[in-house]
Amino acid sequence: MEITKLADFGIIGIVLSYFIWKDMKTFDTFKVSMREIVNELKALNSRIEKLEDNYKE
């Protein structure tokens, strides 16, 4: 069921649509934040590997 179809159920449908939409936006924000953290950890891991390689030489 699409979120816009919930509006057909009146006030309760509109309120429910709002909370579902809000949860979707919160999840999108969380997903973007986690992606940024993973990218930073990958970059940090690369730097650590380079330092370890330089130390071995």
Protein backbone atom coordinates (compact mmCIF):
# COMPACT_ATOMS: atom_id res chain seq x y z
CA MET A 1 0.00 0.00 0.00
CA GLU A 2 1.33 3.42 -0.88
CA ILE A 3 1.56 6.00 1.83
CA THR A 4 -0.61 8.41 -0.15
CA LYS A 5 -3.43 5.85 -0.13
CA LEU A 6 -3.58 6.10 3.68
CA ALA A 7 -4.99 9.62 3.33
CA ASP A 8 -8.18 8.00 2.01
CA PHE A 9 -8.83 6.81 5.59
CA GLY A 10 -9.32 10.34 6.92
CA ILE A 11 -7.51 11.95 9.83
CA ILE A 12 -6.15 8.67 11.19
CA GLY A 13 -4.75 7.80 7.76
CA ILE A 14 -3.15 11.23 7.44
CA VAL A 15 -1.57 10.98 10.90
CA LEU A 16 -0.32 7.47 10.15
CA SER A 17 1.07 8.68 6.80
CA TYR A 18 2.97 11.44 8.60
CA PHE A 19 4.58 9.05 11.08
CA ILE A 20 5.53 6.56 8.36
CA TRP A 21 7.01 9.40 6.28
CA LYS A 22 8.89 10.71 9.34
CA ASP A 23 10.31 7.24 10.05
CA MET A 24 11.41 6.90 6.42
CA LYS A 25 13.23 10.26 6.60
CA THR A 26 14.88 9.28 9.90
CA PHE A 27 16.04 5.99 8.37
CA ASP A 28 17.43 7.81 5.31
CA THR A 29 19.39 10.16 7.58
CA PHE A 30 20.68 7.18 9.59
CA LYS A 31 21.66 5.35 6.40
CA VAL A 32 23.60 8.35 5.06
CA SER A 33 25.36 8.82 8.41
CA MET A 34 26.35 5.15 8.57
CA ARG A 35 27.64 5.30 4.99
CA GLU A 36 29.83 8.30 5.88
CA ILE A 37 31.18 6.51 8.96
CA VAL A 38 31.98 3.39 6.91
CA ASN A 39 33.80 5.51 4.31
CA GLU A 40 35.84 7.21 7.03
CA LEU A 41 36.73 3.84 8.57
CA LYS A 42 37.81 2.51 5.17
CA ALA A 43 40.03 5.55 4.66
CA LEU A 44 41.49 5.12 8.15
CA ASN A 45 42.12 1.44 7.49
CA SER A 46 43.95 2.30 4.26
CA ARG A 47 46.17 4.76 6.11
CA ILE A 48 46.93 2.18 8.80
CA GLU A 49 47.84 -0.41 6.15
CA LYS A 50 50.18 2.09 4.47
CA LEU A 51 51.85 2.88 7.78
CA GLU A 52 52.26 -0.84 8.52
CA ASP A 53 53.78 -1.40 5.07
CA ASN A 54 56.20 1.49 5.58
CA TYR A 55 57.14 0.15 9.00
CA LYS A 56 57.91 -3.30 7.56
CA GLU A 57 60.29 -1.78 5.00
